[in-house]
Amino acid sequence: IRLDIEQNREVELLRFERGEIQLINTLAAEHFDRLAAQSPQSVYDAGPGMDSEFLWFNQAPASPIASYKKAWFRSMAFRRAVSDAINREDISRIVYKGHARPAIGPVSPANRVWFNTGLKAPSYRPQEALRSLQQAGFQLTGGVLRDSGGHPVEFNIMTNSGNKYRERMAAMMNQDLAKIGIKLNVATLDFPSVLERMNRTLDYDACLLGLVNVDLDPNMQMNMWLSSSSMHAWSPKQVKPETPWEEEIDRLMRLQASQLDTKKRKAAFDRVQQIIVEQAPIIYLVNKNVLAAMSPAVKNGHPVVLRPQTFWNAEQLSVDGTVVQSRR
């Protein structure tokens, strides 16, 4: 087996169509549809995968953003209202051509062992979102949402440049939030600059990124959920938990990490997922479908949601040379 790392997706697809390569681990949604129209037996949509796309607000006390913005971002009512105002179904349908599903929380339903089945899928509720904001002291006047101090609700969201899916998601969220009077500005930066603002300067309002999950076990997410971690996205490197719910997450994550009883671990991590959904420090948007391509020449191929999607059973794969030859 030879693995090629191809930086250009168009070239990768062209090489597959020519029969020069037999497997593609991950296809872009439009490439999947294009290949499906030409060779439907070559493409596989395995359904929602382990990866997620999400956004969060900067809640770090040391961040240089305006104090009134910090107050918004540290308000659960504000975060949940923004979540309710985002149409995840439209993002899945338009941005990902139907090859994605609205995300429920920090764990994809594809992770059947650890997903909390008691959580409900989020719904698009802009009017409910506006009512919640009004109850929290915000007012909609002249199509502009203002806080109790009269500040118009406007914030910037950064994402990595060159990722057209996130750029499209941000554009759609801009339209959704405008319906409740919130102005969203999109800033695309190169990835090192995104990391610099996330981890050092803390100079940003909100961030839109994704998480690649390579393991099912929640221990692989310890650096994300512990409040003391530098990867604790919304407020990193806390000396001690800044909120009671973050303190509870710390306790539960350490509990599940030290337990040998699988049921107790599951109960602890179920509660972590519930807290994240309730508090919405991270707003989960979609779980992308696993899209793969496999030549009809490959025998015993069964693409799955876990990496590596197409050659996880490499020792069982073989290639029918006659089929490869006929495609050239």
Protein backbone atom coordinates (compact mmCIF):
# COMPACT_ATOMS: atom_id res chain seq x y z
CA ILE A 1 0.00 0.00 0.00
CA ARG A 2 1.36 3.40 -0.95
CA LEU A 3 -0.07 6.51 0.73
CA ASP A 4 0.09 9.76 -1.24
CA ILE A 5 -0.47 13.11 0.44
CA GLU A 6 -2.08 15.25 -2.24
CA GLN A 7 -2.45 18.93 -1.36
CA ASN A 8 -4.75 19.76 -4.27
CA ARG A 9 -8.20 18.20 -3.97
CA GLU A 10 -8.96 18.66 -7.67
CA VAL A 11 -5.77 16.84 -8.64
CA GLU A 12 -6.59 14.08 -6.18
CA LEU A 13 -10.03 13.58 -7.72
CA LEU A 14 -8.58 13.65 -11.24
CA ARG A 15 -6.04 10.98 -10.33
CA PHE A 16 -8.83 8.84 -8.88
CA GLU A 17 -10.91 9.23 -12.03
CA ARG A 18 -7.89 8.17 -14.11
CA GLY A 19 -7.40 5.07 -11.98
CA GLU A 20 -4.01 6.22 -10.67
CA ILE A 21 -5.22 5.95 -7.06
CA GLN A 22 -7.86 3.61 -5.70
CA LEU A 23 -8.88 5.20 -2.39
CA ILE A 24 -9.71 8.69 -1.13
CA ASN A 25 -10.21 8.93 2.62
CA THR A 26 -12.20 12.17 2.70
CA LEU A 27 -14.08 13.82 -0.13
CA ALA A 28 -15.38 17.37 -0.24
CA ALA A 29 -19.17 17.48 -0.55
CA GLU A 30 -19.15 18.89 -4.09
CA HIS A 31 -16.53 16.34 -5.19
CA PHE A 32 -18.67 13.56 -3.73
CA ASP A 33 -21.68 14.71 -5.75
CA ARG A 34 -19.61 15.10 -8.90
CA LEU A 35 -18.13 11.62 -8.60
CA ALA A 36 -21.51 10.14 -7.62
CA ALA A 37 -22.98 11.42 -10.88
CA GLN A 38 -20.21 9.75 -12.89
CA SER A 39 -19.56 6.58 -10.91
CA PRO A 40 -22.09 6.02 -8.09
CA GLN A 41 -20.52 2.68 -7.17
CA SER A 42 -17.26 4.47 -6.29
CA VAL A 43 -18.56 6.77 -3.52
CA TYR A 44 -19.57 6.09 0.06
CA ASP A 45 -21.50 8.32 2.45
CA ALA A 46 -21.08 6.62 5.84
CA GLY A 47 -23.29 9.18 7.61
CA PRO A 48 -22.32 11.61 10.39
CA GLY A 49 -18.72 11.19 11.46
CA MET A 50 -16.82 11.90 14.65
CA ASP A 51 -15.70 15.41 13.67
CA SER A 52 -17.63 18.56 14.54
CA GLU A 53 -17.76 22.21 13.55
CA PHE A 54 -18.44 24.73 16.31
CA LEU A 55 -18.03 28.27 17.57
CA TRP A 56 -17.28 29.78 20.94
CA PHE A 57 -17.11 33.21 22.54
CA ASN A 58 -14.03 34.58 24.25
CA GLN A 59 -14.77 34.60 27.99
CA ALA A 60 -11.19 35.05 29.21
CA PRO A 61 -10.99 37.77 31.92
CA ALA A 62 -7.57 38.85 30.62
CA SER A 63 -8.74 39.41 27.05
CA PRO A 64 -8.44 43.00 25.73
CA ILE A 65 -12.01 43.14 24.41
CA ALA A 66 -14.53 45.65 25.79
CA SER A 67 -15.99 44.85 29.20
CA TYR A 68 -19.58 45.04 27.95
CA LYS A 69 -18.77 42.38 25.33
CA LYS A 70 -17.27 40.17 28.02
CA ALA A 71 -20.54 40.50 29.89
CA TRP A 72 -22.45 39.27 26.84
CA PHE A 73 -20.12 36.35 26.25
CA ARG A 74 -20.14 35.27 29.89
CA SER A 75 -23.95 35.23 29.91
CA MET A 76 -25.47 31.77 29.42
CA ALA A 77 -28.67 33.42 28.17
CA PHE A 78 -26.75 35.24 25.44
CA ARG A 79 -24.84 32.15 24.34
CA ARG A 80 -27.92 29.97 24.22
CA ALA A 81 -29.90 32.63 22.36
CA VAL A 82 -27.20 32.79 19.68
CA SER A 83 -27.33 28.99 19.46
CA ASP A 84 -31.12 29.04 19.06
CA ALA A 85 -30.88 31.67 16.32
CA ILE A 86 -28.63 29.55 14.06
CA ASN A 87 -30.32 27.39 11.46
CA ARG A 88 -28.20 24.23 11.53
CA GLU A 89 -30.48 22.42 9.09
CA ASP A 90 -29.81 25.10 6.47
CA ILE A 91 -26.05 24.89 7.10
CA SER A 92 -26.17 21.12 6.61
CA ARG A 93 -28.29 21.40 3.49
CA ILE A 94 -26.64 24.36 1.77
CA VAL A 95 -23.02 24.45 2.90
CA TYR A 96 -22.50 20.68 2.96
CA LYS A 97 -24.96 19.77 0.17
CA GLY A 98 -26.90 17.61 2.61
CA HIS A 99 -23.80 15.66 3.68
CA ALA A 100 -23.87 16.81 7.31
CA ARG A 101 -26.23 16.69 10.28
CA PRO A 102 -26.99 19.29 12.97
CA ALA A 103 -24.70 18.64 15.93
CA ILE A 104 -26.27 17.91 19.30
CA GLY A 105 -23.30 18.41 21.60
CA PRO A 106 -19.62 17.69 22.16
CA VAL A 107 -19.93 14.03 21.14
CA SER A 108 -21.25 12.88 17.79
CA PRO A 109 -24.05 10.28 17.73
CA ALA A 110 -21.59 8.24 15.64
CA ASN A 111 -19.73 7.57 18.90
CA ARG A 112 -22.29 5.04 20.08
CA VAL A 113 -20.36 4.15 23.23
CA TRP A 114 -20.01 7.64 24.73
CA PHE A 115 -22.78 9.74 23.17
CA ASN A 116 -25.39 10.91 25.69
CA THR A 117 -28.64 9.67 24.14
CA GLY A 118 -30.68 11.77 26.57
CA LEU A 119 -29.70 15.01 24.83
CA LYS A 120 -32.15 16.62 22.43
CA ALA A 121 -31.20 17.93 19.03
CA PRO A 122 -31.11 21.75 18.93
CA SER A 123 -33.89 23.48 17.05
CA TYR A 124 -33.96 26.72 15.09
CA ARG A 125 -35.94 29.14 17.30
CA PRO A 126 -35.16 32.77 16.45
CA GLN A 127 -38.25 34.18 18.17
CA GLU A 128 -37.51 32.22 21.33
CA ALA A 129 -33.92 33.45 21.14
CA LEU A 130 -35.11 37.06 20.94
CA ARG A 131 -37.48 36.60 23.89
CA SER A 132 -34.64 35.15 25.98
CA LEU A 133 -32.43 38.11 25.13
CA GLN A 134 -35.17 40.57 26.03
CA GLN A 135 -35.64 38.83 29.37
CA ALA A 136 -31.88 39.21 29.91
CA GLY A 137 -32.09 42.99 29.42
CA PHE A 138 -31.50 43.35 25.67
CA GLN A 139 -33.87 45.37 23.51
CA LEU A 140 -34.56 45.28 19.77
CA THR A 141 -35.07 48.79 18.40
CA GLY A 142 -35.03 49.73 14.74
CA GLY A 143 -33.78 46.29 13.79
CA VAL A 144 -30.75 46.61 16.09
CA LEU A 145 -30.33 44.61 19.29
CA ARG A 146 -28.89 46.66 22.16
CA ASP A 147 -27.81 45.69 25.65
CA SER A 148 -28.98 47.44 28.83
CA GLY A 149 -26.19 50.00 28.40
CA GLY A 150 -27.33 50.91 24.90
CA HIS A 151 -24.45 49.18 23.11
CA PRO A 152 -25.43 47.62 19.77
CA VAL A 153 -24.76 43.90 19.77
CA GLU A 154 -22.03 43.46 17.20
CA PHE A 155 -19.07 41.11 17.32
CA ASN A 156 -16.36 39.63 15.11
CA ILE A 157 -15.89 35.94 14.46
CA MET A 158 -12.52 34.68 13.27
CA THR A 159 -11.89 31.53 11.28
CA ASN A 160 -9.05 30.15 9.21
CA SER A 161 -8.75 31.53 5.70
CA GLY A 162 -9.01 29.12 2.79
CA ASN A 163 -11.64 26.95 4.47
CA LYS A 164 -14.58 27.69 2.21
CA TYR A 165 -17.00 25.65 4.32
CA ARG A 166 -16.38 27.73 7.42
CA GLU A 167 -16.50 30.93 5.42
CA ARG A 168 -19.90 29.88 4.06
CA MET A 169 -21.11 28.88 7.52
CA ALA A 170 -20.09 32.26 8.89
CA ALA A 171 -21.95 34.00 6.06
CA MET A 172 -25.10 32.01 6.83
CA MET A 173 -24.83 32.70 10.56
CA ASN A 174 -24.50 36.38 9.70
CA GLN A 175 -27.90 36.21 7.97
CA ASP A 176 -29.47 34.22 10.82
CA LEU A 177 -28.27 36.56 13.57
CA ALA A 178 -29.31 39.64 11.62
CA LYS A 179 -32.90 38.46 12.03
CA ILE A 180 -32.65 39.11 15.79
CA GLY A 181 -30.71 42.35 15.40
CA ILE A 182 -27.17 41.04 15.90
CA LYS A 183 -24.42 42.14 13.52
CA LEU A 184 -21.74 39.54 12.84
CA ASN A 185 -18.46 40.48 11.16
CA VAL A 186 -16.33 37.68 9.69
CA ALA A 187 -12.51 37.83 9.88
CA THR A 188 -10.54 35.17 7.99
CA LEU A 189 -6.96 34.75 9.17
CA ASP A 190 -4.14 32.35 8.38
CA PHE A 191 -4.09 29.48 10.87
CA PRO A 192 -0.96 30.59 12.80
CA SER A 193 -2.63 33.96 13.40
CA VAL A 194 -5.79 32.23 14.67
CA LEU A 195 -3.68 30.20 17.12
CA GLU A 196 -1.79 33.31 18.21
CA ARG A 197 -5.02 35.07 19.17
CA MET A 198 -6.51 31.98 20.78
CA ASN A 199 -3.51 31.03 22.89
CA ARG A 200 -1.46 34.18 23.51
CA THR A 201 -3.03 37.59 22.89
CA LEU A 202 -6.67 36.51 23.49
CA ASP A 203 -7.59 39.36 21.15
CA TYR A 204 -10.77 38.11 19.51
CA ASP A 205 -14.53 38.03 20.11
CA ALA A 206 -15.52 34.61 18.81
CA CYS A 207 -13.97 31.78 16.85
CA LEU A 208 -15.31 29.26 14.33
CA LEU A 209 -13.26 26.07 14.05
CA GLY A 210 -13.62 22.31 14.05
CA LEU A 211 -12.38 19.33 16.01
CA VAL A 212 -10.96 16.17 14.53
CA ASN A 213 -11.62 13.19 16.80
CA VAL A 214 -9.21 10.31 16.36
CA ASP A 215 -10.29 8.35 19.43
CA LEU A 216 -13.63 7.41 20.95
CA ASP A 217 -12.58 7.67 24.59
CA PRO A 218 -13.29 10.93 26.51
CA ASN A 219 -9.79 10.88 28.01
CA MET A 220 -8.58 12.18 24.67
CA GLN A 221 -10.55 15.37 25.37
CA MET A 222 -9.11 16.09 28.82
CA ASN A 223 -7.05 19.02 27.50
CA MET A 224 -10.21 20.61 26.12
CA TRP A 225 -12.45 20.38 29.17
CA LEU A 226 -10.14 20.90 32.15
CA SER A 227 -10.26 24.59 33.10
CA SER A 228 -6.50 24.70 33.75
CA SER A 229 -5.66 23.60 30.20
CA SER A 230 -4.25 25.91 27.55
CA MET A 231 -6.73 24.30 25.14
CA HIS A 232 -9.76 25.22 27.29
CA ALA A 233 -11.01 27.29 24.37
CA TRP A 234 -13.30 29.95 25.87
CA SER A 235 -11.12 30.78 28.89
CA PRO A 236 -7.78 28.93 28.99
CA LYS A 237 -5.22 28.41 31.76
CA GLN A 238 -7.51 29.13 34.71
CA VAL A 239 -5.74 29.06 38.08
CA LYS A 240 -8.98 27.75 39.52
CA PRO A 241 -12.37 27.21 37.87
CA GLU A 242 -14.07 30.53 37.19
CA THR A 243 -17.60 29.13 37.41
CA PRO A 244 -19.31 26.38 39.41
CA TRP A 245 -20.18 24.48 36.24
CA GLU A 246 -16.56 24.49 35.07
CA GLU A 247 -15.56 23.20 38.50
CA GLU A 248 -18.10 20.39 38.10
CA ILE A 249 -16.73 19.51 34.67
CA ASP A 250 -13.20 19.35 36.12
CA ARG A 251 -14.38 16.99 38.84
CA LEU A 252 -16.33 14.77 36.44
CA MET A 253 -13.54 14.53 33.88
CA ARG A 254 -11.05 13.53 36.57
CA LEU A 255 -13.59 11.06 37.97
CA GLN A 256 -14.16 9.32 34.66
CA ALA A 257 -10.40 9.24 34.03
CA SER A 258 -9.72 7.47 37.33
CA GLN A 259 -12.63 5.02 37.24
CA LEU A 260 -12.36 1.40 36.13
CA ASP A 261 -16.12 0.92 36.12
CA THR A 262 -17.33 1.70 32.59
CA LYS A 263 -20.87 2.51 33.75
CA LYS A 264 -19.59 5.10 36.23
CA ARG A 265 -17.33 6.60 33.59
CA LYS A 266 -20.26 6.80 31.19
CA ALA A 267 -22.50 8.46 33.78
CA ALA A 268 -19.83 11.06 34.57
CA PHE A 269 -19.20 11.89 30.92
CA ASP A 270 -22.92 11.98 30.15
CA ARG A 271 -23.21 14.71 32.76
CA VAL A 272 -20.29 16.60 31.19
CA GLN A 273 -22.07 16.58 27.85
CA GLN A 274 -25.28 17.79 29.49
CA ILE A 275 -23.48 20.71 31.16
CA ILE A 276 -21.85 21.73 27.89
CA VAL A 277 -25.20 21.75 26.10
CA GLU A 278 -26.92 23.65 28.92
CA GLN A 279 -24.19 26.27 29.40
CA ALA A 280 -23.20 26.51 25.71
CA PRO A 281 -19.59 27.66 26.20
CA ILE A 282 -19.10 25.98 22.83
CA ILE A 283 -21.94 26.06 20.32
CA TYR A 284 -21.86 22.91 18.24
CA LEU A 285 -23.10 23.37 14.69
CA VAL A 286 -22.77 20.28 12.51
CA ASN A 287 -21.26 16.83 12.33
CA LYS A 288 -19.95 16.33 8.81
CA ASN A 289 -20.73 13.08 7.04
CA VAL A 290 -17.84 10.75 6.27
CA LEU A 291 -17.48 10.87 2.48
CA ALA A 292 -15.01 8.50 0.84
CA ALA A 293 -14.16 7.13 -2.57
CA MET A 294 -13.13 3.59 -3.38
CA SER A 295 -12.44 2.15 -6.79
CA PRO A 296 -14.57 -0.82 -7.86
CA ALA A 297 -11.23 -2.56 -8.33
CA VAL A 298 -10.71 -2.71 -4.56
CA LYS A 299 -11.95 -5.89 -2.94
CA ASN A 300 -13.13 -6.24 0.69
CA GLY A 301 -13.38 -2.47 1.13
CA HIS A 302 -15.78 -1.16 3.79
CA PRO A 303 -15.36 2.57 4.53
CA VAL A 304 -16.13 3.49 8.15
CA VAL A 305 -16.42 6.67 10.22
CA LEU A 306 -13.14 6.27 12.11
CA ARG A 307 -9.77 7.15 10.58
CA PRO A 308 -8.38 5.77 8.36
CA GLN A 309 -11.80 5.48 6.76
CA THR A 310 -10.92 3.49 3.63
CA PHE A 311 -7.96 1.31 4.66
CA TRP A 312 -8.65 0.50 8.31
CA ASN A 313 -8.72 -3.17 7.25
CA ALA A 314 -5.63 -2.87 5.08
CA GLU A 315 -4.60 -6.47 5.61
CA GLN A 316 -7.85 -7.62 3.95
CA LEU A 317 -7.75 -5.33 0.91
CA SER A 318 -6.75 -6.40 -2.58
CA VAL A 319 -6.93 -4.84 -6.02
CA ASP A 320 -8.30 -6.47 -9.16
CA GLY A 321 -5.71 -5.51 -11.74
CA THR A 322 -8.02 -6.18 -14.66
CA VAL A 323 -10.49 -3.57 -13.41
CA VAL A 324 -7.71 -1.01 -12.90
CA GLN A 325 -6.43 -1.63 -16.42
CA SER A 326 -9.90 -1.17 -17.95
CA ARG A 327 -10.25 2.27 -16.34
CA ARG A 328 -7.09 3.64 -17.96
